[in-house]
C-alpha atoms as a PDB file:
ATOM      1  CA  UNK A   1     -14.555  35.140  -9.349  1.00  0.00           C
ATOM      2  CA  UNK A   2     -14.842  31.936 -11.357  1.00  0.00           C
ATOM      3  CA  UNK A   3     -11.066  31.534 -11.559  1.00  0.00           C
ATOM      4  CA  UNK A   4     -10.800  31.818  -7.765  1.00  0.00           C
ATOM      5  CA  UNK A   5     -13.398  29.065  -7.297  1.00  0.00           C
ATOM      6  CA  UNK A   6     -11.555  26.864  -9.786  1.00  0.00           C
ATOM      7  CA  UNK A   7      -8.260  27.417  -7.935  1.00  0.00           C
ATOM      8  CA  UNK A   8      -9.836  26.432  -4.612  1.00  0.00           C
ATOM      9  CA  UNK A   9     -11.402  23.363  -6.207  1.00  0.00           C
ATOM     10  CA  UNK A  10      -8.085  22.224  -7.717  1.00  0.00           C
ATOM     11  CA  UNK A  11      -6.288  22.739  -4.406  1.00  0.00           C
ATOM     12  CA  UNK A  12      -8.941  20.721  -2.558  1.00  0.00           C
ATOM     13  CA  UNK A  13      -8.783  17.926  -5.134  1.00  0.00           C
ATOM     14  CA  UNK A  14      -4.978  17.796  -4.984  1.00  0.00           C
ATOM     15  CA  UNK A  15      -5.136  17.589  -1.185  1.00  0.00           C
ATOM     16  CA  UNK A  16      -7.707  14.793  -1.401  1.00  0.00           C
ATOM     17  CA  UNK A  17      -5.597  12.768  -3.840  1.00  0.00           C
ATOM     18  CA  UNK A  18      -2.465  13.228  -1.736  1.00  0.00           C
ATOM     19  CA  UNK A  19      -4.318  12.277   1.452  1.00  0.00           C
ATOM     20  CA  UNK A  20      -5.653   9.100  -0.162  1.00  0.00           C
ATOM     21  CA  UNK A  21      -2.150   8.241  -1.353  1.00  0.00           C
ATOM     22  CA  UNK A  22      -0.742   8.725   2.160  1.00  0.00           C
ATOM     23  CA  UNK A  23      -3.503   6.621   3.714  1.00  0.00           C
ATOM     24  CA  UNK A  24      -2.885   3.787   1.269  1.00  0.00           C
ATOM     25  CA  UNK A  25       0.890   3.859   1.741  1.00  0.00           C
ATOM     26  CA  UNK A  26       1.276   4.809   5.426  1.00  0.00           C
ATOM     27  CA  UNK A  27      -2.031   3.745   6.970  1.00  0.00           C
ATOM     28  CA  UNK A  28      -2.548   5.156  10.449  1.00  0.00           C
ATOM     29  CA  UNK A  29       0.602   7.292  10.209  1.00  0.00           C
ATOM     30  CA  UNK A  30      -0.708   9.314   7.247  1.00  0.00           C
ATOM     31  CA  UNK A  31      -2.197  12.169   9.272  1.00  0.00           C
ATOM     32  CA  UNK A  32       0.897  12.373  11.492  1.00  0.00           C
ATOM     33  CA  UNK A  33       3.121  12.553   8.413  1.00  0.00           C
ATOM     34  CA  UNK A  34       1.022  15.359   6.938  1.00  0.00           C
ATOM     35  CA  UNK A  35       1.060  17.221  10.274  1.00  0.00           C
ATOM     36  CA  UNK A  36       4.858  16.939  10.303  1.00  0.00           C
ATOM     37  CA  UNK A  37       4.987  18.475   6.827  1.00  0.00           C
ATOM     38  CA  UNK A  38       2.586  21.207   7.976  1.00  0.00           C
ATOM     39  CA  UNK A  39       4.883  22.163  10.833  1.00  0.00           C
ATOM     40  CA  UNK A  40       7.966  22.562   8.628  1.00  0.00           C
ATOM     41  CA  UNK A  41       9.382  26.013   9.480  1.00  0.00           C
ATOM     42  CA  UNK A  42      10.902  26.464   6.024  1.00  0.00           C
ATOM     43  CA  UNK A  43       7.584  25.990   4.213  1.00  0.00           C
ATOM     44  CA  UNK A  44       5.399  28.926   3.255  1.00  0.00           C
ATOM     45  CA  UNK A  45       2.153  29.558   5.109  1.00  0.00           C
ATOM     46  CA  UNK A  46       0.200  28.497   2.035  1.00  0.00           C
ATOM     47  CA  UNK A  47       2.065  25.168   1.932  1.00  0.00           C
ATOM     48  CA  UNK A  48       1.508  24.600   5.655  1.00  0.00           C
ATOM     49  CA  UNK A  49      -2.225  25.280   5.213  1.00  0.00           C
ATOM     50  CA  UNK A  50      -2.281  22.796   2.339  1.00  0.00           C
ATOM     51  CA  UNK A  51      -0.711  20.059   4.468  1.00  0.00           C
ATOM     52  CA  UNK A  52      -3.072  20.810   7.352  1.00  0.00           C
ATOM     53  CA  UNK A  53      -5.899  20.197   4.868  1.00  0.00           C
ATOM     54  CA  UNK A  54      -4.195  16.981   3.728  1.00  0.00           C
ATOM     55  CA  UNK A  55      -3.920  15.861   7.365  1.00  0.00           C
ATOM     56  CA  UNK A  56      -7.623  16.491   8.017  1.00  0.00           C
ATOM     57  CA  UNK A  57      -8.653  14.578   4.909  1.00  0.00           C
ATOM     58  CA  UNK A  58      -6.212  11.731   5.639  1.00  0.00           C
ATOM     59  CA  UNK A  59      -7.607  11.350   9.144  1.00  0.00           C
ATOM     60  CA  UNK A  60     -11.177  11.150   7.830  1.00  0.00           C
ATOM     61  CA  UNK A  61     -10.228   8.715   5.042  1.00  0.00           C
ATOM     62  CA  UNK A  62      -8.346   6.453   7.460  1.00  0.00           C
ATOM     63  CA  UNK A  63     -11.279   6.387   9.901  1.00  0.00           C
ATOM     64  CA  UNK A  64     -13.582   5.608   6.980  1.00  0.00           C
ATOM     65  CA  UNK A  65     -11.405   2.680   5.859  1.00  0.00           C
ATOM     66  CA  UNK A  66     -11.126   1.287   9.389  1.00  0.00           C
ATOM     67  CA  UNK A  67     -14.913   1.067   9.637  1.00  0.00           C
ATOM     68  CA  UNK A  68     -15.166  -1.134   6.523  1.00  0.00           C
ATOM     69  CA  UNK A  69     -14.837  -4.882   6.160  1.00  0.00           C
ATOM     70  CA  UNK A  70     -11.883  -6.228   4.177  1.00  0.00           C
ATOM     71  CA  UNK A  71     -13.646  -6.770   0.844  1.00  0.00           C
ATOM     72  CA  UNK A  72     -15.265  -3.339   0.849  1.00  0.00           C
ATOM     73  CA  UNK A  73     -11.974  -1.753   1.899  1.00  0.00           C
ATOM     74  CA  UNK A  74     -10.240  -3.244  -1.145  1.00  0.00           C
ATOM     75  CA  UNK A  75     -13.065  -2.052  -3.396  1.00  0.00           C
ATOM     76  CA  UNK A  76     -12.763   1.496  -2.048  1.00  0.00           C
ATOM     77  CA  UNK A  77      -8.986   1.486  -2.420  1.00  0.00           C
ATOM     78  CA  UNK A  78      -9.324   0.214  -5.978  1.00  0.00           C
ATOM     79  CA  UNK A  79     -11.763   3.046  -6.689  1.00  0.00           C
ATOM     80  CA  UNK A  80      -9.192   5.517  -5.324  1.00  0.00           C
ATOM     81  CA  UNK A  81      -6.514   4.020  -7.589  1.00  0.00           C
ATOM     82  CA  UNK A  82      -8.702   4.378 -10.680  1.00  0.00           C
ATOM     83  CA  UNK A  83      -9.506   8.052 -10.141  1.00  0.00           C
ATOM     84  CA  UNK A  84      -8.139  10.516 -12.627  1.00  0.00           C
ATOM     85  CA  UNK A  85      -4.988  12.099 -11.218  1.00  0.00           C
ATOM     86  CA  UNK A  86      -4.482   9.423  -8.571  1.00  0.00           C
ATOM     87  CA  UNK A  87      -0.942   9.239  -7.195  1.00  0.00           C
ATOM     88  CA  UNK A  88      -1.106   5.494  -6.533  1.00  0.00           C
ATOM     89  CA  UNK A  89      -1.408   2.990  -9.341  1.00  0.00           C
END
């Protein structure tokens, strides 16, 4: 049971880090890019579910960043960069 919870947690964290990376690099197109990856017919169902999760998180993160002023936005993005496992440095 504990190993299953840990696996779900790692998958969620990986999706969050990838979504933040996409938002920082692609901006408003991040969710659309993740949806395109989720609709890839050659991908497994597990991979498509992962990218659907990435798309949901990317959409929320982008909306969150749009609501912030410029200084706070840079602070939040810097916090994302400094997280352990972050894809953007």
